[in-house]
Amino acid sequence: MDLSSTFFPGFVINNLDNKVKNKIKCNVLNMDYAGECPSICPVCGETLIGHGKRTLEITDTPIMGDPGLLHLRIPRRRCSACKYLWQPKIQYVDENHLLTERAFTDISQKAIKQPFSDVGKEYALSVNTVKSIFIDFLNEKKNTLRFTTPAFLGIDEIKIPKLGEITVITDLEHRTLYDMLEGRNQDLLRKYFDELPHPENVLWVCSDMYRPFEKPIHVDLPRARWVVDHYHVVAYANKAMDSVRIHVQNQLSKEKRIKTKKGLAYTLRTRLKRLSTEEQLLIRECRKNSVTNPIAIAFDLKEEFFDIYDKHLNSKADAQEAFAEWEKKIPRDDSFDGFHKLVGTVHNFYEQIFNLWECPIHITNGFTECTNRLIRENSVKGRGTSFDILRGRTLYRKTNLERIEDNGMLLIGPNIPQKGSIFHYEETKDIDDNYNEDESQYFNSYDYDPFIGLRPGIDYDPETGEILQEFEDKEEVEW
């Protein structure tokens, strides 16, 4: 059986050879054109005469375990009258990169998941060539894929070394990544929202307390209401409680300070209903001592602030009343300045915080935080990659695109097949958990945003976005 037409239509296989390309052994299929050759010039109608043959080297998918090359020998004919040159058009070949379409697809998908250097070794291509192919793939997707503007937007930021701040935009209703923007400022968001198709579709936007978000949301998203993510709000209660603990411990002798500090910080950050018997006794001991009693008071204030969300979910008025009563309980002592600052923060964002109670779905940026973690891991895997490449590797994951299509949010573009790996989801098991780059330049759990992103190595469910293992700075708040 002649497999030539099946392997590559229009050509016949002569033999299998090998060669070294970029210091890598490749298997080469030598093939001859087997199609028809015209005898009449399509331009002027004169006779075409033979003009020699040309051999094209085309990169194909691996052959017998090694990088594959096709040496395609094609005839050429020239018109002696008008100088028209004919040569056959080769199907299924990307002429820009001299590789088959199947190789282009495979390289593009592998480049989402693997470093360019690893893909280059598999295809005997240079890193720059693989990068160029992947960029063309991104441009192709940019032109062929359009996502429906979601009703519930999540906005957050992540800081990546060498790239700086990146704005992450998610569809919170369908738990998908919608887009990524290079930078984080008011002008950037205004330009983006101004060009957003059907901005009237956006009804709710959830983010942290970044004031420059306000104008783009109110001006460019005419029907949207801004909700401050409650995890960011309650995080400041923990910060205020820690400030009281530190203030009290600084007044103790070194011996007592060490004894008090041991395990206390973790205990105070644990919710009351989850305290062990030993932890309850530790806080009870703080109540008995006039010096350490403020720590217990701060713990109670933290718990009551969390309860505003936990116990008054169904009534905005009850939640507002609970906050007003909580505010009155804060001592005037200077050590409780952190709680007074929290009160000021709530009043500054009063409408945005209590908008949460009017939102028709439980809106939180938890999924956006999980997405930030994927972005960080992709950045670690492809150290030094450009923003466009990082965006493509995250946005065009198979999991993300499948979920977009399943929820009817793919406006323009091809169907994503149920079988086969057209878009890959990047595995996280190969991420180096000992990644030791100085994260202080882009991650600080308290300076501004307590939940700016998840560190590499935190387990999560890629389907639901549920965080299965949390690092010690992240607060667990039950809704």
Protein backbone atom coordinates (compact mmCIF):
# COMPACT_ATOMS: atom_id res chain seq x y z
CA MET A 1 0.00 0.00 0.00
CA ASP A 2 1.35 3.40 -0.98
CA LEU A 3 1.20 5.59 2.14
CA SER A 4 2.60 8.66 0.38
CA SER A 5 -0.72 10.38 -0.24
CA THR A 6 -1.84 9.58 3.29
CA PHE A 7 1.36 10.89 4.83
CA PHE A 8 1.57 14.01 2.69
CA PRO A 9 -0.94 14.53 -0.16
CA GLY A 10 0.41 15.25 -3.63
CA PHE A 11 3.85 13.70 -3.05
CA VAL A 12 5.43 10.26 -3.22
CA ILE A 13 8.08 9.00 -0.83
CA ASN A 14 11.42 8.13 -2.35
CA ASN A 15 13.40 7.09 0.70
CA LEU A 16 14.14 7.74 4.37
CA ASP A 17 17.42 9.42 5.19
CA ASN A 18 18.87 11.35 8.13
CA LYS A 19 20.85 14.52 8.73
CA VAL A 20 22.11 16.66 11.59
CA LYS A 21 20.38 20.00 12.11
CA ASN A 22 21.28 22.34 14.97
CA LYS A 23 23.45 19.50 16.35
CA ILE A 24 20.40 17.19 16.55
CA LYS A 25 19.91 14.03 14.48
CA CYS A 26 16.80 14.26 12.28
CA ASN A 27 14.97 11.71 10.16
CA VAL A 28 14.40 12.98 6.61
CA LEU A 29 11.75 11.85 4.16
CA ASN A 30 12.76 12.59 0.57
CA MET A 31 9.61 13.12 -1.48
CA ASP A 32 8.83 14.06 -5.09
CA TYR A 33 5.88 16.04 -6.37
CA ALA A 34 3.34 13.72 -8.01
CA GLY A 35 0.68 16.18 -9.10
CA GLU A 36 -0.11 17.61 -12.51
CA CYS A 37 2.03 20.30 -14.14
CA PRO A 38 0.38 22.86 -16.47
CA SER A 39 1.66 23.33 -20.01
CA ILE A 40 -0.09 26.64 -20.78
CA CYS A 41 0.72 29.95 -19.10
CA PRO A 42 -2.34 31.16 -17.13
CA VAL A 43 -1.32 34.79 -17.75
CA CYS A 44 -0.69 35.05 -21.48
CA GLY A 45 -1.63 31.60 -22.84
CA GLU A 46 1.84 30.77 -24.20
CA THR A 47 3.62 27.48 -23.59
CA LEU A 48 5.36 26.85 -20.25
CA ILE A 49 8.79 25.24 -20.40
CA GLY A 50 10.74 23.38 -17.75
CA HIS A 51 12.75 25.56 -15.36
CA GLY A 52 14.48 22.99 -13.18
CA LYS A 53 13.49 21.64 -9.79
CA ARG A 54 13.67 23.04 -6.29
CA THR A 55 13.98 21.19 -2.99
CA LEU A 56 12.19 22.62 0.06
CA GLU A 57 13.11 21.57 3.58
CA ILE A 58 9.93 21.47 5.68
CA THR A 59 9.85 20.75 9.41
CA ASP A 60 7.30 18.09 10.27
CA THR A 61 6.21 16.28 13.41
CA PRO A 62 8.75 13.75 14.77
CA ILE A 63 9.41 10.68 12.63
CA MET A 64 10.29 7.41 14.39
CA GLY A 65 11.12 9.23 17.62
CA ASP A 66 13.46 11.84 16.12
CA PRO A 67 12.79 15.31 14.72
CA GLY A 68 11.21 15.00 11.30
CA LEU A 69 12.08 16.83 8.09
CA LEU A 70 10.47 16.63 4.68
CA HIS A 71 12.63 17.28 1.62
CA LEU A 72 10.03 18.13 -0.99
CA ARG A 73 11.33 18.24 -4.57
CA ILE A 74 9.02 20.33 -6.73
CA PRO A 75 9.16 21.17 -10.47
CA ARG A 76 9.12 24.73 -11.80
CA ARG A 77 7.99 26.02 -15.20
CA ARG A 78 8.51 29.42 -16.81
CA CYS A 79 6.74 31.25 -19.61
CA SER A 80 9.24 32.47 -22.21
CA ALA A 81 6.86 35.25 -23.26
CA CYS A 82 5.79 36.96 -20.03
CA LYS A 83 8.36 35.36 -17.68
CA TYR A 84 5.63 33.97 -15.41
CA LEU A 85 7.07 31.33 -13.07
CA TRP A 86 4.89 28.43 -11.99
CA GLN A 87 5.51 26.07 -9.12
CA PRO A 88 2.96 23.90 -7.30
CA LYS A 89 1.21 25.19 -4.21
CA ILE A 90 1.88 22.82 -1.36
CA GLN A 91 -1.08 22.02 0.86
CA TYR A 92 -0.87 21.86 4.66
CA VAL A 93 2.38 23.83 4.88
CA ASP A 94 2.96 27.06 6.80
CA GLU A 95 5.06 28.94 4.27
CA ASN A 96 6.17 31.63 6.74
CA HIS A 97 8.01 29.14 8.95
CA LEU A 98 8.52 26.29 6.45
CA LEU A 99 6.78 23.70 8.57
CA THR A 100 3.66 21.58 8.18
CA GLU A 101 0.41 22.79 9.66
CA ARG A 102 0.34 19.80 12.00
CA ALA A 103 3.82 20.71 13.22
CA PHE A 104 2.73 24.35 13.71
CA THR A 105 -0.22 23.19 15.83
CA ASP A 106 1.86 20.75 17.85
CA ILE A 107 4.66 23.25 18.49
CA SER A 108 2.15 25.91 19.52
CA GLN A 109 0.44 23.62 22.01
CA LYS A 110 3.70 22.34 23.46
CA ALA A 111 4.96 25.92 23.79
CA ILE A 112 2.00 26.65 26.08
CA LYS A 113 3.09 23.88 28.40
CA GLN A 114 6.86 23.59 27.98
CA PRO A 115 9.88 25.92 27.78
CA PHE A 116 10.77 26.97 24.24
CA SER A 117 14.17 25.28 24.54
CA ASP A 118 12.56 21.87 25.22
CA VAL A 119 10.23 22.24 22.24
CA GLY A 120 13.16 23.32 20.09
CA LYS A 121 15.07 20.13 20.93
CA GLU A 122 12.11 18.00 19.92
CA TYR A 123 11.92 19.72 16.54
CA ALA A 124 15.58 20.65 15.99
CA LEU A 125 14.60 24.33 15.97
CA SER A 126 16.22 27.30 17.66
CA VAL A 127 14.59 28.92 20.67
CA ASN A 128 13.89 32.07 18.65
CA THR A 129 12.14 30.06 15.94
CA VAL A 130 9.87 28.36 18.48
CA LYS A 131 9.18 31.73 20.05
CA SER A 132 8.29 33.21 16.65
CA ILE A 133 5.92 30.32 15.94
CA PHE A 134 4.23 30.76 19.31
CA ILE A 135 3.81 34.51 18.81
CA ASP A 136 2.15 33.85 15.43
CA PHE A 137 -0.11 31.37 17.20
CA LEU A 138 -1.07 34.05 19.75
CA ASN A 139 -1.81 36.54 16.99
CA GLU A 140 -3.93 33.96 15.22
CA LYS A 141 -5.97 33.32 18.36
CA LYS A 142 -6.28 37.04 18.97
CA ASN A 143 -7.90 37.39 15.55
CA THR A 144 -10.09 34.28 15.69
CA LEU A 145 -11.27 34.15 19.32
CA ARG A 146 -13.65 36.67 20.87
CA PHE A 147 -15.16 36.19 24.30
CA THR A 148 -18.59 37.43 25.29
CA THR A 149 -18.38 40.31 27.78
CA PRO A 150 -19.27 38.80 31.18
CA ALA A 151 -21.77 40.19 33.66
CA PHE A 152 -19.56 39.61 36.71
CA LEU A 153 -15.98 40.84 36.35
CA GLY A 154 -13.15 40.22 38.78
CA ILE A 155 -10.16 42.57 38.68
CA ASP A 156 -6.92 41.99 40.54
CA GLU A 157 -3.22 42.55 40.04
CA ILE A 158 -0.07 40.51 40.27
CA LYS A 159 3.53 41.69 40.21
CA ILE A 160 5.92 39.66 38.08
CA PRO A 161 9.70 40.20 38.12
CA LYS A 162 10.94 42.06 35.01
CA LEU A 163 7.36 42.56 33.78
CA GLY A 164 6.03 44.63 36.66
CA GLU A 165 2.34 44.90 37.50
CA ILE A 166 -0.20 42.92 35.49
CA THR A 167 -3.95 43.48 35.69
CA VAL A 168 -5.91 40.22 35.70
CA ILE A 169 -9.55 40.24 34.57
CA THR A 170 -11.78 37.21 35.17
CA ASP A 171 -15.35 36.10 34.56
CA LEU A 172 -16.42 35.31 38.13
CA GLU A 173 -19.75 33.78 37.16
CA HIS A 174 -18.21 31.15 34.89
CA ARG A 175 -14.82 30.99 36.65
CA THR A 176 -12.69 31.73 33.59
CA LEU A 177 -9.79 34.04 32.81
CA TYR A 178 -11.09 36.81 30.54
CA ASP A 179 -7.96 38.85 29.84
CA MET A 180 -4.64 40.18 31.13
CA LEU A 181 -3.31 43.73 30.78
CA GLU A 182 0.26 44.92 31.04
CA GLY A 183 0.22 47.56 33.76
CA ARG A 184 -2.20 48.74 36.42
CA ASN A 185 -3.49 52.29 36.34
CA GLN A 186 -6.61 54.29 35.65
CA ASP A 187 -5.74 55.30 32.08
CA LEU A 188 -5.02 51.69 31.10
CA LEU A 189 -8.35 50.48 32.44
CA ARG A 190 -10.28 53.35 30.89
CA LYS A 191 -8.81 52.60 27.47
CA TYR A 192 -9.52 48.89 27.86
CA PHE A 193 -13.10 49.33 29.06
CA ASP A 194 -13.71 51.95 26.38
CA GLU A 195 -12.84 49.34 23.72
CA LEU A 196 -14.71 46.53 25.47
CA PRO A 197 -17.54 45.15 23.29
CA HIS A 198 -20.94 45.66 24.89
CA PRO A 199 -19.78 47.25 28.15
CA GLU A 200 -23.42 47.43 29.20
CA ASN A 201 -23.25 43.66 29.78
CA VAL A 202 -21.08 44.19 32.88
CA LEU A 203 -23.32 44.47 35.95
CA TRP A 204 -20.92 43.82 38.84
CA VAL A 205 -17.17 44.29 39.32
CA CYS A 206 -15.29 42.79 42.28
CA SER A 207 -11.80 44.03 43.21
CA ASP A 208 -9.66 45.22 46.06
CA MET A 209 -9.77 48.76 47.45
CA TYR A 210 -7.76 50.35 44.65
CA ARG A 211 -9.33 53.78 44.23
CA PRO A 212 -8.22 54.32 40.59
CA PHE A 213 -10.64 51.50 39.67
CA GLU A 214 -13.57 53.75 40.57
CA LYS A 215 -13.62 56.09 37.55
CA PRO A 216 -13.17 53.39 34.86
CA ILE A 217 -15.96 51.35 36.41
CA HIS A 218 -18.43 54.21 36.85
CA VAL A 219 -17.70 56.02 33.57
CA ASP A 220 -16.94 53.24 31.10
CA LEU A 221 -19.17 50.48 32.52
CA PRO A 222 -22.47 52.37 32.79
CA ARG A 223 -24.50 49.58 34.43
CA ALA A 224 -21.80 48.14 36.67
CA ARG A 225 -21.69 48.31 40.45
CA TRP A 226 -18.40 48.02 42.28
CA VAL A 227 -18.01 45.48 45.11
CA VAL A 228 -14.92 45.35 47.32
CA ASP A 229 -13.87 41.74 47.83
CA HIS A 230 -14.69 40.87 51.44
CA TYR A 231 -11.48 38.87 51.88
CA HIS A 232 -9.53 42.10 51.50
CA VAL A 233 -11.72 43.81 54.09
CA VAL A 234 -11.51 41.17 56.82
CA ALA A 235 -7.76 40.85 56.26
CA TYR A 236 -7.37 44.31 57.78
CA ALA A 237 -9.07 43.07 60.95
CA ASN A 238 -6.30 40.50 61.30
CA LYS A 239 -3.71 43.17 60.63
CA ALA A 240 -5.24 45.40 63.34
CA MET A 241 -5.28 42.48 65.79
CA ASP A 242 -1.62 41.77 65.09
CA SER A 243 -0.72 45.39 65.75
CA VAL A 244 -2.30 45.13 69.24
CA ARG A 245 -0.41 41.90 69.96
CA ILE A 246 2.90 43.43 68.90
CA HIS A 247 2.23 46.56 70.97
CA VAL A 248 1.56 44.47 74.09
CA GLN A 249 4.51 42.15 73.57
CA ASN A 250 6.87 45.11 73.22
CA GLN A 251 6.01 46.06 76.80
CA LEU A 252 7.01 42.67 78.21
CA SER A 253 10.40 41.44 79.29
CA LYS A 254 12.33 39.35 76.79
CA GLU A 255 11.51 36.11 78.62
CA LYS A 256 7.79 36.85 78.85
CA ARG A 257 7.72 38.16 75.31
CA ILE A 258 9.15 34.92 73.93
CA LYS A 259 6.74 32.87 76.05
CA THR A 260 3.76 34.96 74.94
CA LYS A 261 4.77 35.01 71.29
CA LYS A 262 5.19 31.25 71.01
CA GLY A 263 2.17 30.02 69.05
CA LEU A 264 0.07 33.05 69.91
CA ALA A 265 0.17 34.75 66.51
CA TYR A 266 -1.16 31.62 64.79
CA THR A 267 -3.77 31.06 67.52
CA LEU A 268 -5.13 34.58 67.21
CA ARG A 269 -5.54 34.21 63.46
CA THR A 270 -7.60 31.04 63.89
CA ARG A 271 -11.39 31.41 63.95
CA LEU A 272 -12.98 30.97 67.38
CA LYS A 273 -14.97 27.89 66.36
CA ARG A 274 -11.77 26.18 65.20
CA LEU A 275 -9.66 26.76 68.28
CA SER A 276 -8.35 23.68 70.03
CA THR A 277 -8.70 23.31 73.80
CA GLU A 278 -5.07 24.37 74.27
CA GLU A 279 -5.54 27.43 72.08
CA GLN A 280 -8.66 28.46 73.98
CA LEU A 281 -6.71 28.21 77.23
CA LEU A 282 -3.97 30.40 75.76
CA ILE A 283 -6.43 33.21 74.99
CA ARG A 284 -8.11 32.72 78.37
CA GLU A 285 -4.75 33.29 80.06
CA CYS A 286 -4.44 36.58 78.17
CA ARG A 287 -7.77 37.72 79.63
CA LYS A 288 -6.62 37.10 83.20
CA ASN A 289 -3.63 39.45 82.93
CA SER A 290 -4.21 43.20 82.75
CA VAL A 291 -1.14 43.61 80.54
CA THR A 292 -2.14 40.98 77.97
CA ASN A 293 -5.91 41.52 78.19
CA PRO A 294 -5.86 43.90 75.16
CA ILE A 295 -4.78 40.93 73.05
CA ALA A 296 -7.94 39.06 74.02
CA ILE A 297 -10.03 42.17 73.33
CA ALA A 298 -8.41 42.49 69.90
CA PHE A 299 -9.21 38.82 69.23
CA ASP A 300 -12.86 39.43 70.13
CA LEU A 301 -13.02 42.48 67.86
CA LYS A 302 -11.55 40.47 65.01
CA GLU A 303 -14.11 37.70 65.50
CA GLU A 304 -17.04 40.11 65.68
CA PHE A 305 -15.88 41.83 62.50
CA PHE A 306 -15.75 38.49 60.70
CA ASP A 307 -19.24 37.76 62.04
CA ILE A 308 -20.62 40.79 60.20
CA TYR A 309 -20.19 38.69 57.06
CA ASP A 310 -20.82 35.28 58.61
CA LYS A 311 -23.99 35.97 60.57
CA HIS A 312 -25.71 38.70 58.56
CA LEU A 313 -25.44 37.40 55.02
CA ASN A 314 -29.15 37.72 54.26
CA SER A 315 -29.70 41.30 55.40
CA LYS A 316 -27.74 44.37 54.37
CA ALA A 317 -29.45 46.47 57.05
CA ASP A 318 -28.49 43.97 59.77
CA ALA A 319 -24.89 43.91 58.52
CA GLN A 320 -24.71 47.73 58.56
CA GLU A 321 -26.19 47.82 62.05
CA ALA A 322 -23.73 45.16 63.23
CA PHE A 323 -20.85 47.22 61.90
CA ALA A 324 -22.12 50.35 63.67
CA GLU A 325 -22.33 48.44 66.98
CA TRP A 326 -18.89 46.89 66.42
CA GLU A 327 -17.38 50.33 65.83
CA LYS A 328 -18.59 51.52 69.26
CA LYS A 329 -16.78 48.66 71.04
CA ILE A 330 -13.28 49.67 69.92
CA PRO A 331 -11.26 51.06 72.86
CA ARG A 332 -9.79 54.54 72.49
CA ASP A 333 -6.36 53.30 73.49
CA ASP A 334 -3.58 54.06 70.97
CA SER A 335 -2.75 50.36 70.71
CA PHE A 336 -6.08 49.90 68.87
CA ASP A 337 -5.23 52.41 66.14
CA GLY A 338 -5.28 49.57 63.60
CA PHE A 339 -8.97 49.00 64.30
CA HIS A 340 -9.72 52.70 64.03
CA LYS A 341 -7.98 52.72 60.65
CA LEU A 342 -10.14 49.78 59.62
CA VAL A 343 -13.22 51.79 60.58
CA GLY A 344 -11.99 54.64 58.40
CA THR A 345 -11.40 52.24 55.51
CA VAL A 346 -14.91 50.85 55.76
CA HIS A 347 -16.41 54.35 55.78
CA ASN A 348 -14.26 55.37 52.80
CA PHE A 349 -15.54 52.38 50.82
CA TYR A 350 -18.90 52.05 52.56
CA GLU A 351 -21.02 51.77 49.42
CA GLN A 352 -18.63 49.38 47.65
CA ILE A 353 -18.30 47.11 50.71
CA PHE A 354 -22.03 46.85 51.43
CA ASN A 355 -22.91 46.47 47.75
CA LEU A 356 -21.96 42.85 48.37
CA TRP A 357 -25.29 42.20 50.07
CA GLU A 358 -27.23 43.27 46.96
CA CYS A 359 -25.28 41.17 44.47
CA PRO A 360 -27.41 38.27 43.13
CA ILE A 361 -24.53 35.77 43.40
CA HIS A 362 -21.85 35.23 46.03
CA ILE A 363 -19.18 37.39 44.40
CA THR A 364 -15.59 37.09 45.53
CA ASN A 365 -12.21 37.31 43.88
CA GLY A 366 -11.11 33.89 45.12
CA PHE A 367 -10.99 32.50 41.58
CA THR A 368 -8.97 35.51 40.43
CA GLU A 369 -6.44 34.81 43.19
CA CYS A 370 -6.11 31.22 41.95
CA THR A 371 -5.57 32.57 38.44
CA ASN A 372 -2.82 34.81 39.78
CA ARG A 373 -1.09 31.75 41.09
CA LEU A 374 -1.19 30.10 37.65
CA ILE A 375 0.25 33.25 36.11
CA ARG A 376 3.08 33.26 38.63
CA GLU A 377 3.86 29.60 37.95
CA ASN A 378 3.85 30.19 34.19
CA SER A 379 6.25 33.06 34.78
CA VAL A 380 8.55 30.79 36.81
CA LYS A 381 8.52 28.12 34.09
CA GLY A 382 9.23 30.59 31.32
CA ARG A 383 11.64 32.91 33.11
CA GLY A 384 12.27 36.02 31.06
CA THR A 385 9.34 35.58 28.67
CA SER A 386 7.45 38.60 27.38
CA PHE A 387 4.04 39.69 28.59
CA ASP A 388 2.34 38.50 25.39
CA ILE A 389 3.77 35.01 25.82
CA LEU A 390 2.81 34.87 29.50
CA ARG A 391 -0.70 36.05 28.62
CA GLY A 392 -1.05 33.45 25.87
CA ARG A 393 0.17 30.59 28.01
CA THR A 394 -2.42 31.43 30.65
CA LEU A 395 -5.39 32.60 28.58
CA TYR A 396 -5.30 29.83 25.96
CA ARG A 397 -5.17 26.93 28.40
CA LYS A 398 -7.45 24.09 27.36
CA THR A 399 -9.27 24.19 30.71
CA ASN A 400 -9.98 27.90 30.40
CA LEU A 401 -11.19 27.76 26.79
CA GLU A 402 -13.33 24.67 27.36
CA ARG A 403 -15.07 26.32 30.30
CA ILE A 404 -15.64 29.48 28.25
CA GLU A 405 -17.23 27.48 25.45
CA ASP A 406 -19.25 25.25 27.78
CA ASN A 407 -20.87 28.34 29.27
CA GLY A 408 -21.66 29.84 25.87
CA MET A 409 -19.18 32.69 26.30
CA LEU A 410 -17.15 32.00 23.13
CA LEU A 411 -18.46 34.67 20.75
CA ILE A 412 -16.30 33.91 17.69
CA GLY A 413 -14.00 30.97 17.12
CA PRO A 414 -13.71 27.26 16.43
CA ASN A 415 -15.30 24.58 18.58
CA ILE A 416 -12.94 23.08 21.14
CA PRO A 417 -13.01 19.28 20.62
CA GLN A 418 -13.95 17.05 23.54
CA LYS A 419 -11.11 14.66 22.75
CA GLY A 420 -7.51 15.41 21.97
CA SER A 421 -5.15 18.05 23.29
CA ILE A 422 -5.82 21.06 21.09
CA PHE A 423 -5.21 23.32 24.10
CA HIS A 424 -3.13 22.07 27.01
CA TYR A 425 -3.59 22.80 30.70
CA GLU A 426 -0.23 23.34 32.30
CA GLU A 427 0.63 20.82 34.99
CA THR A 428 1.96 22.21 38.25
CA LYS A 429 3.76 19.16 39.59
CA ASP A 430 7.01 20.11 37.87
CA ILE A 431 7.15 23.58 39.39
CA ASP A 432 10.15 24.05 41.63
CA ASP A 433 8.76 24.60 45.13
CA ASN A 434 12.17 25.88 46.19
CA TYR A 435 11.94 28.87 43.89
CA ASN A 436 14.02 31.32 45.88
CA GLU A 437 13.76 34.57 43.98
CA ASP A 438 13.27 37.51 46.33
CA GLU A 439 9.50 37.89 46.40
CA SER A 440 9.57 40.94 48.64
CA GLN A 441 9.71 43.17 45.58
CA TYR A 442 6.33 42.00 44.37
CA PHE A 443 4.56 40.24 47.25
CA ASN A 444 3.83 41.66 50.67
CA SER A 445 0.90 40.31 52.59
CA TYR A 446 0.29 43.53 54.48
CA ASP A 447 1.83 46.60 52.87
CA TYR A 448 -1.11 47.06 50.55
CA ASP A 449 -3.02 43.99 49.52
CA PRO A 450 -3.11 40.95 51.83
CA PHE A 451 -4.19 38.65 49.01
CA ILE A 452 -2.21 39.85 46.00
CA GLY A 453 -1.61 36.27 44.84
CA LEU A 454 -0.84 32.68 45.76
CA ARG A 455 2.71 31.45 46.01
CA PRO A 456 3.96 28.53 43.89
CA GLY A 457 3.39 25.14 45.48
CA ILE A 458 -0.11 25.77 46.89
CA ASP A 459 -2.46 22.94 45.92
CA TYR A 460 -5.81 23.80 44.36
CA ASP A 461 -8.57 22.19 42.35
CA PRO A 462 -8.15 23.38 38.72
CA GLU A 463 -11.82 22.74 37.97
CA THR A 464 -13.44 24.52 40.92
CA GLY A 465 -10.62 26.87 41.87
CA GLU A 466 -10.85 25.68 45.49
CA ILE A 467 -7.63 26.21 47.43
CA LEU A 468 -6.69 22.93 49.06
CA GLN A 469 -3.63 24.15 50.98
CA GLU A 470 -3.09 27.69 52.17
CA PHE A 471 0.05 29.52 53.19
CA GLU A 472 0.21 30.96 56.64
CA ASP A 473 -0.50 34.58 55.71
CA LYS A 474 -3.79 33.83 53.97
CA GLU A 475 -6.86 34.05 56.15
CA GLU A 476 -9.58 31.47 55.84
CA VAL A 477 -12.96 33.14 56.02
CA GLU A 478 -16.11 31.06 55.89
CA TRP A 479 -19.04 32.59 54.14
